[in-house]
């Protein structure tokens, strides 16, 4: 006869008694293959076994479970400098900074910088916004506080303060609810490349059909909330926060410069909160991105700040005389290149 594990019964006394209990059905094995920053592939095996054996009495006894911790690659200084510069260059342009960080880190470095690194370096570009619009922000905040106690102070700045508050609520709620999806599945390069191309059409249509007649003085609560809802689309890398909010403003009939200016103000609370919330995860990404040291995060954030400040000044001058359609062609080209690299197996989507 054939007994346990296909051994003949007469051979069983010569081998230890091995019993695989029903707990084996709970065994979980997951192999994660990740490409490291050096181009080599590391394999992390997570395994839990419930095999029990006792060679002497044939009575099962527990064997300790073996579980290995995930291994994340350390970020290099080259990656730090390049990705910090990419963040600063693309944060305010309607091309998606989070999408570009994912593309650059995946195509050139073979790994994902991670959603947490992206969120933290955005603190640098938001600091650039705070300094660039410091006078406007102080005026708006002061008018908002004064308007709480005096009806005579409830002018445009007071209203804009409320518009920013109400418009930030949707992205705050959705960002919290879908934070895990944003850090994982939403960073798939197939999705990012597709959104770069698809949302180019939205920007084109906004430029094509927006009347661009209303100055920022005519901004209403409906405008603010609508642009706030559009900002939620930027939770998906490849859409672009500035592209989504500015396009919404154009569809509402706002002048291009007014839409872009309010878009900058609208991003401040959401991006700042996201960066502070993600700060602990950036030091310990738990397998969802490269692991940067505190000094590297600081340097990348400072680089993003300097370049971001310059890009704000340039973009505001640019949109005063030029269409956002200049960025549409660029988005389509980059999206098609990434799709081609993915289809050819040159880069991995995840």
Protein backbone atom coordinates (compact mmCIF):
# COMPACT_ATOMS: atom_id res chain seq x y z
CA UNK A 1 0.00 0.00 0.00
CA UNK A 2 0.97 3.61 -0.44
CA UNK A 3 0.85 5.69 2.71
CA UNK A 4 1.50 9.29 3.68
CA UNK A 5 3.37 11.34 1.05
CA UNK A 6 3.32 8.37 -1.36
CA UNK A 7 5.77 6.30 0.77
CA UNK A 8 5.14 2.54 1.02
CA UNK A 9 3.81 1.57 4.44
CA UNK A 10 6.84 -0.59 5.16
CA UNK A 11 9.10 2.42 4.84
CA UNK A 12 7.15 4.63 7.22
CA UNK A 13 8.90 3.38 10.42
CA UNK A 14 12.21 4.52 8.94
CA UNK A 15 11.00 8.12 8.51
CA UNK A 16 9.75 10.59 11.11
CA UNK A 17 6.01 10.84 11.40
CA UNK A 18 4.91 14.01 9.67
CA UNK A 19 1.42 15.36 9.96
CA UNK A 20 0.19 18.34 8.04
CA UNK A 21 -2.68 19.69 10.04
CA UNK A 22 -5.73 21.53 8.86
CA UNK A 23 -3.92 24.73 9.68
CA UNK A 24 -2.02 24.27 6.43
CA UNK A 25 -5.07 25.65 4.66
CA UNK A 26 -4.27 28.99 6.29
CA UNK A 27 -0.74 29.03 4.90
CA UNK A 28 0.00 32.23 3.00
CA UNK A 29 2.90 32.66 0.67
CA UNK A 30 3.54 35.86 -1.25
CA UNK A 31 6.53 36.59 -3.36
CA UNK A 32 7.21 40.22 -4.09
CA UNK A 33 9.67 40.89 -6.88
CA UNK A 34 10.92 44.40 -6.93
CA UNK A 35 13.56 46.11 -9.00
CA UNK A 36 16.04 47.90 -6.80
CA UNK A 37 17.79 51.18 -7.44
CA UNK A 38 20.92 49.31 -8.58
CA UNK A 39 18.98 47.49 -11.29
CA UNK A 40 19.14 44.15 -9.47
CA UNK A 41 15.96 42.34 -8.54
CA UNK A 42 15.32 41.47 -4.94
CA UNK A 43 12.90 38.80 -3.89
CA UNK A 44 11.09 38.98 -0.60
CA UNK A 45 9.37 35.82 0.52
CA UNK A 46 6.67 35.96 3.15
CA UNK A 47 5.75 32.51 4.40
CA UNK A 48 3.82 31.09 7.31
CA UNK A 49 3.79 27.34 7.86
CA UNK A 50 1.81 25.17 10.23
CA UNK A 51 3.61 21.85 9.71
CA UNK A 52 3.84 19.80 12.87
CA UNK A 53 6.15 16.84 13.46
CA UNK A 54 7.46 14.70 16.27
CA UNK A 55 9.98 12.03 15.25
CA UNK A 56 9.92 10.22 18.57
CA UNK A 57 6.33 9.66 19.57
CA UNK A 58 4.49 10.44 16.38
CA UNK A 59 2.63 13.15 18.27
CA UNK A 60 2.39 16.46 16.44
CA UNK A 61 4.03 19.46 18.01
CA UNK A 62 4.06 23.04 16.74
CA UNK A 63 6.88 24.48 14.70
CA UNK A 64 7.41 28.25 14.92
CA UNK A 65 6.09 30.32 12.05
CA UNK A 66 8.66 32.04 9.87
CA UNK A 67 7.83 35.49 8.64
CA UNK A 68 10.31 37.78 6.95
CA UNK A 69 10.08 41.52 6.92
CA UNK A 70 9.73 43.44 3.66
CA UNK A 71 12.90 44.94 2.28
CA UNK A 72 12.92 48.39 0.75
CA UNK A 73 15.74 49.91 -1.29
CA UNK A 74 17.53 52.98 -0.04
CA UNK A 75 17.26 56.10 -2.19
CA UNK A 76 20.51 57.30 -3.76
CA UNK A 77 21.64 60.92 -3.85
CA UNK A 78 21.25 60.98 -7.62
CA UNK A 79 17.63 59.97 -7.24
CA UNK A 80 17.17 62.56 -4.49
CA UNK A 81 18.40 65.45 -6.63
CA UNK A 82 16.67 64.39 -9.84
CA UNK A 83 13.30 63.66 -8.23
CA UNK A 84 13.40 66.88 -6.19
CA UNK A 85 14.01 68.84 -9.40
CA UNK A 86 11.19 66.99 -11.21
CA UNK A 87 8.81 67.84 -8.36
CA UNK A 88 9.72 71.52 -8.52
CA UNK A 89 9.44 71.71 -12.30
CA UNK A 90 6.11 69.92 -12.67
CA UNK A 91 4.07 70.72 -9.54
CA UNK A 92 2.46 73.86 -10.93
CA UNK A 93 2.40 72.95 -14.60
CA UNK A 94 -0.71 71.08 -15.83
CA UNK A 95 1.29 67.91 -16.46
CA UNK A 96 0.97 66.03 -13.11
CA UNK A 97 3.96 66.17 -10.78
CA UNK A 98 3.02 62.88 -9.06
CA UNK A 99 2.73 61.20 -12.46
CA UNK A 100 6.13 62.52 -13.56
CA UNK A 101 7.81 61.43 -10.32
CA UNK A 102 6.41 57.93 -10.85
CA UNK A 103 7.46 57.85 -14.50
CA UNK A 104 10.97 59.20 -13.95
CA UNK A 105 11.65 56.95 -10.96
CA UNK A 106 10.26 53.90 -12.78
CA UNK A 107 11.86 54.46 -16.20
CA UNK A 108 15.28 55.76 -15.15
CA UNK A 109 15.77 54.22 -11.70
CA UNK A 110 13.76 50.99 -11.93
CA UNK A 111 11.69 51.64 -8.82
CA UNK A 112 8.89 53.81 -7.47
CA UNK A 113 9.85 56.80 -5.35
CA UNK A 114 6.60 56.23 -3.46
CA UNK A 115 3.50 58.29 -2.75
CA UNK A 116 4.87 59.36 0.63
CA UNK A 117 8.07 60.79 -0.87
CA UNK A 118 5.93 62.63 -3.43
CA UNK A 119 3.68 64.10 -0.74
CA UNK A 120 6.58 65.23 1.44
CA UNK A 121 8.52 66.93 -1.38
CA UNK A 122 5.31 68.76 -2.26
CA UNK A 123 5.80 70.62 1.02
CA UNK A 124 8.71 72.36 -0.70
CA UNK A 125 6.62 73.53 -3.62
CA UNK A 126 3.79 74.56 -1.32
CA UNK A 127 6.27 76.59 0.71
CA UNK A 128 7.11 78.32 -2.58
CA UNK A 129 3.41 79.13 -3.02
CA UNK A 130 3.19 80.47 0.52
CA UNK A 131 6.12 82.81 -0.02
CA UNK A 132 5.14 83.87 -3.53
CA UNK A 133 1.56 84.67 -2.48
CA UNK A 134 2.45 85.72 1.07
CA UNK A 135 0.88 89.17 0.77
CA UNK A 136 -2.30 87.74 -0.73
CA UNK A 137 -2.48 85.04 1.95
CA UNK A 138 -1.98 87.48 4.82
CA UNK A 139 -4.63 89.77 3.34
CA UNK A 140 -7.12 86.90 2.84
CA UNK A 141 -6.56 85.39 6.29
CA UNK A 142 -6.82 88.79 7.96
CA UNK A 143 -10.00 89.67 6.07
CA UNK A 144 -11.51 86.28 6.93
CA UNK A 145 -10.92 86.73 10.66
CA UNK A 146 -12.17 90.31 10.62
CA UNK A 147 -15.21 89.32 8.60
CA UNK A 148 -16.21 86.80 11.26
CA UNK A 149 -16.94 89.71 13.61
CA UNK A 150 -17.79 92.55 11.25
CA UNK A 151 -20.11 92.49 8.25
CA UNK A 152 -18.31 95.53 6.83
CA UNK A 153 -15.16 93.41 6.34
CA UNK A 154 -16.86 90.73 4.26
CA UNK A 155 -15.45 91.59 0.88
CA UNK A 156 -13.72 89.51 -1.82
CA UNK A 157 -10.83 88.35 0.37
CA UNK A 158 -13.23 87.23 3.10
CA UNK A 159 -15.24 85.24 0.57
CA UNK A 160 -12.13 83.67 -0.98
CA UNK A 161 -11.12 82.48 2.48
CA UNK A 162 -14.43 80.63 2.81
CA UNK A 163 -14.22 79.32 -0.77
CA UNK A 164 -10.83 77.74 -0.05
CA UNK A 165 -12.15 76.14 3.15
CA UNK A 166 -15.26 74.64 1.54
CA UNK A 167 -13.38 73.58 -1.59
CA UNK A 168 -10.78 71.69 0.49
CA UNK A 169 -13.31 69.46 2.25
CA UNK A 170 -13.95 67.02 -0.67
CA UNK A 171 -10.29 66.19 -1.32
CA UNK A 172 -9.63 65.89 2.41
CA UNK A 173 -12.38 63.29 2.81
CA UNK A 174 -11.58 61.33 -0.34
CA UNK A 175 -7.84 61.44 0.27
CA UNK A 176 -8.32 59.95 3.73
CA UNK A 177 -10.78 57.26 2.63
CA UNK A 178 -8.75 56.12 -0.39
CA UNK A 179 -5.24 56.70 0.96
CA UNK A 180 -4.24 53.04 0.55
CA UNK A 181 -5.40 52.89 -3.08
CA UNK A 182 -3.63 56.16 -3.84
CA UNK A 183 -0.35 54.71 -2.55
CA UNK A 184 -0.64 51.42 -4.42
CA UNK A 185 -2.96 50.71 -7.37
CA UNK A 186 -3.26 54.34 -8.49
CA UNK A 187 0.50 54.44 -9.14
CA UNK A 188 0.29 51.86 -11.94
CA UNK A 189 2.07 53.25 -15.00
CA UNK A 190 -0.65 52.00 -17.36
CA UNK A 191 -3.15 54.16 -15.48
CA UNK A 192 -0.82 57.18 -15.27
CA UNK A 193 0.02 57.13 -18.98
CA UNK A 194 -3.65 56.76 -19.88
CA UNK A 195 -4.68 59.67 -17.65
CA UNK A 196 -1.98 61.88 -19.14
CA UNK A 197 -3.56 61.36 -22.55
CA UNK A 198 -7.24 61.36 -21.55
CA UNK A 199 -7.07 64.46 -19.38
CA UNK A 200 -5.29 66.30 -22.17
CA UNK A 201 -8.64 66.26 -23.93
CA UNK A 202 -10.28 67.87 -20.88
CA UNK A 203 -7.73 70.72 -20.88
CA UNK A 204 -8.18 71.18 -24.62
CA UNK A 205 -11.97 71.37 -24.31
CA UNK A 206 -11.71 73.82 -21.41
CA UNK A 207 -9.57 76.12 -23.53
CA UNK A 208 -11.84 75.61 -26.52
CA UNK A 209 -15.21 76.30 -24.87
CA UNK A 210 -14.34 78.44 -21.83
CA UNK A 211 -15.38 82.06 -22.30
CA UNK A 212 -12.55 83.41 -20.07
CA UNK A 213 -14.45 86.62 -19.34
CA UNK A 214 -14.86 86.59 -15.56
CA UNK A 215 -12.09 88.09 -13.38
CA UNK A 216 -11.30 86.73 -9.93
CA UNK A 217 -13.46 89.49 -8.41
CA UNK A 218 -16.50 87.62 -9.76
CA UNK A 219 -15.53 84.32 -8.13
CA UNK A 220 -18.49 82.67 -6.34
CA UNK A 221 -18.97 79.86 -3.84
CA UNK A 222 -20.21 77.63 -6.64
CA UNK A 223 -16.97 78.28 -8.54
CA UNK A 224 -14.87 77.46 -5.49
CA UNK A 225 -16.68 74.22 -4.66
CA UNK A 226 -16.66 73.09 -8.30
CA UNK A 227 -12.92 73.66 -8.55
CA UNK A 228 -12.52 71.87 -5.21
CA UNK A 229 -14.35 68.84 -6.59
CA UNK A 230 -12.13 68.95 -9.68
CA UNK A 231 -9.10 68.95 -7.39
CA UNK A 232 -10.15 65.48 -6.19
CA UNK A 233 -9.30 64.11 -9.64
CA UNK A 234 -5.66 64.92 -8.89
CA UNK A 235 -5.61 62.08 -6.35
CA UNK A 236 -5.00 59.92 -9.44
CA UNK A 237 -1.43 60.47 -10.71
CA UNK A 238 -1.44 61.63 -14.31
CA UNK A 239 -4.38 64.02 -13.98
CA UNK A 240 -2.62 67.14 -12.57
CA UNK A 241 -3.96 69.23 -9.73
CA UNK A 242 -3.41 72.54 -11.49
CA UNK A 243 -4.72 71.11 -14.75
CA UNK A 244 -7.93 69.85 -13.14
CA UNK A 245 -8.71 72.98 -11.13
CA UNK A 246 -7.72 75.44 -13.85
CA UNK A 247 -9.78 73.54 -16.43
CA UNK A 248 -12.78 73.65 -14.12
CA UNK A 249 -12.29 77.40 -13.74
CA UNK A 250 -12.14 77.85 -17.51
CA UNK A 251 -15.32 75.83 -17.99
CA UNK A 252 -16.95 78.18 -15.44
CA UNK A 253 -15.96 81.18 -17.55
CA UNK A 254 -13.11 82.48 -15.39
CA UNK A 255 -10.19 84.23 -16.96
CA UNK A 256 -7.21 81.93 -17.35
CA UNK A 257 -4.98 83.86 -14.94
CA UNK A 258 -7.79 84.05 -12.35
CA UNK A 259 -8.39 80.28 -12.58
CA UNK A 260 -4.67 79.50 -12.19
CA UNK A 261 -4.22 81.94 -9.30
CA UNK A 262 -7.14 80.49 -7.34
CA UNK A 263 -5.85 77.01 -8.19
CA UNK A 264 -2.58 77.82 -6.40
CA UNK A 265 -4.40 79.12 -3.32
CA UNK A 266 -6.71 76.11 -3.30
CA UNK A 267 -3.80 73.65 -3.25
CA UNK A 268 -2.15 75.07 -0.11
CA UNK A 269 -4.23 73.41 2.67
CA UNK A 270 -4.70 70.05 0.89
CA UNK A 271 -1.09 69.56 -0.17
CA UNK A 272 0.32 70.79 3.15
CA UNK A 273 -1.91 68.42 5.11
CA UNK A 274 -1.04 65.53 2.79
CA UNK A 275 2.70 66.15 3.15
CA UNK A 276 2.60 66.34 6.94
CA UNK A 277 0.39 63.24 7.13
CA UNK A 278 2.80 61.27 4.90
CA UNK A 279 5.99 62.42 6.61
CA UNK A 280 6.35 59.34 8.90
CA UNK A 281 5.72 56.93 6.00
CA UNK A 282 8.40 58.55 3.86
CA UNK A 283 11.06 57.38 6.36
CA UNK A 284 9.63 53.85 6.47
CA UNK A 285 7.73 53.17 3.21
CA UNK A 286 6.92 49.51 4.04
CA UNK A 287 7.59 48.28 0.53
CA UNK A 288 5.61 50.97 -1.33
CA UNK A 289 8.56 53.15 -2.27
CA UNK A 290 12.23 53.93 -1.92
CA UNK A 291 13.45 54.66 1.59
CA UNK A 292 14.89 58.16 1.93
CA UNK A 293 16.86 59.44 4.87
CA UNK A 294 15.86 62.61 6.68
CA UNK A 295 18.70 64.55 5.04
CA UNK A 296 17.67 63.32 1.59
CA UNK A 297 14.06 64.34 2.17
CA UNK A 298 15.21 67.76 3.31
CA UNK A 299 17.46 68.25 0.27
CA UNK A 300 14.79 67.07 -2.17
CA UNK A 301 12.24 69.38 -0.55
CA UNK A 302 14.61 72.36 -0.73
CA UNK A 303 15.35 71.67 -4.40
CA UNK A 304 11.61 71.44 -5.09
CA UNK A 305 11.11 74.76 -3.26
CA UNK A 306 13.71 76.70 -5.27
CA UNK A 307 12.67 75.35 -8.67
CA UNK A 308 8.98 75.50 -7.75
CA UNK A 309 9.21 79.20 -6.86
CA UNK A 310 10.71 79.96 -10.26
CA UNK A 311 8.06 77.89 -12.05
CA UNK A 312 5.22 79.79 -10.33
CA UNK A 313 6.51 83.12 -11.59
CA UNK A 314 7.02 81.71 -15.07
CA UNK A 315 3.60 80.05 -15.31
CA UNK A 316 1.65 83.13 -14.20
CA UNK A 317 3.39 85.19 -16.89
CA UNK A 318 2.87 82.43 -19.44
CA UNK A 319 -0.88 81.93 -18.93
CA UNK A 320 -1.47 85.68 -19.14
CA UNK A 321 -0.67 85.48 -22.86
CA UNK A 322 -0.71 81.81 -23.86
CA UNK A 323 -3.13 78.89 -23.88
CA UNK A 324 -2.81 75.79 -21.70
CA UNK A 325 -2.97 73.82 -24.93
CA UNK A 326 0.80 74.14 -25.13
CA UNK A 327 0.90 71.48 -22.43
CA UNK A 328 -1.67 69.23 -24.11
CA UNK A 329 0.70 68.05 -26.84
CA UNK A 330 3.45 67.39 -24.30
CA UNK A 331 1.12 65.27 -22.15
CA UNK A 332 0.04 63.18 -25.14
CA UNK A 333 3.62 62.56 -26.27
CA UNK A 334 4.80 61.51 -22.79
CA UNK A 335 1.74 59.29 -22.33
CA UNK A 336 2.32 57.53 -25.66
CA UNK A 337 6.02 57.01 -24.92
CA UNK A 338 5.23 55.41 -21.56
CA UNK A 339 2.54 53.19 -23.10
CA UNK A 340 5.07 52.08 -25.71
CA UNK A 341 7.69 51.25 -23.06
CA UNK A 342 5.10 49.28 -21.11
CA UNK A 343 3.87 47.39 -24.16
CA UNK A 344 7.44 46.51 -25.12
CA UNK A 345 8.22 45.23 -21.65
CA UNK A 346 10.97 47.81 -21.17
CA UNK A 347 9.54 49.04 -17.85
CA UNK A 348 7.28 47.46 -15.28
CA UNK A 349 3.87 48.97 -14.61
CA UNK A 350 4.10 48.46 -10.84
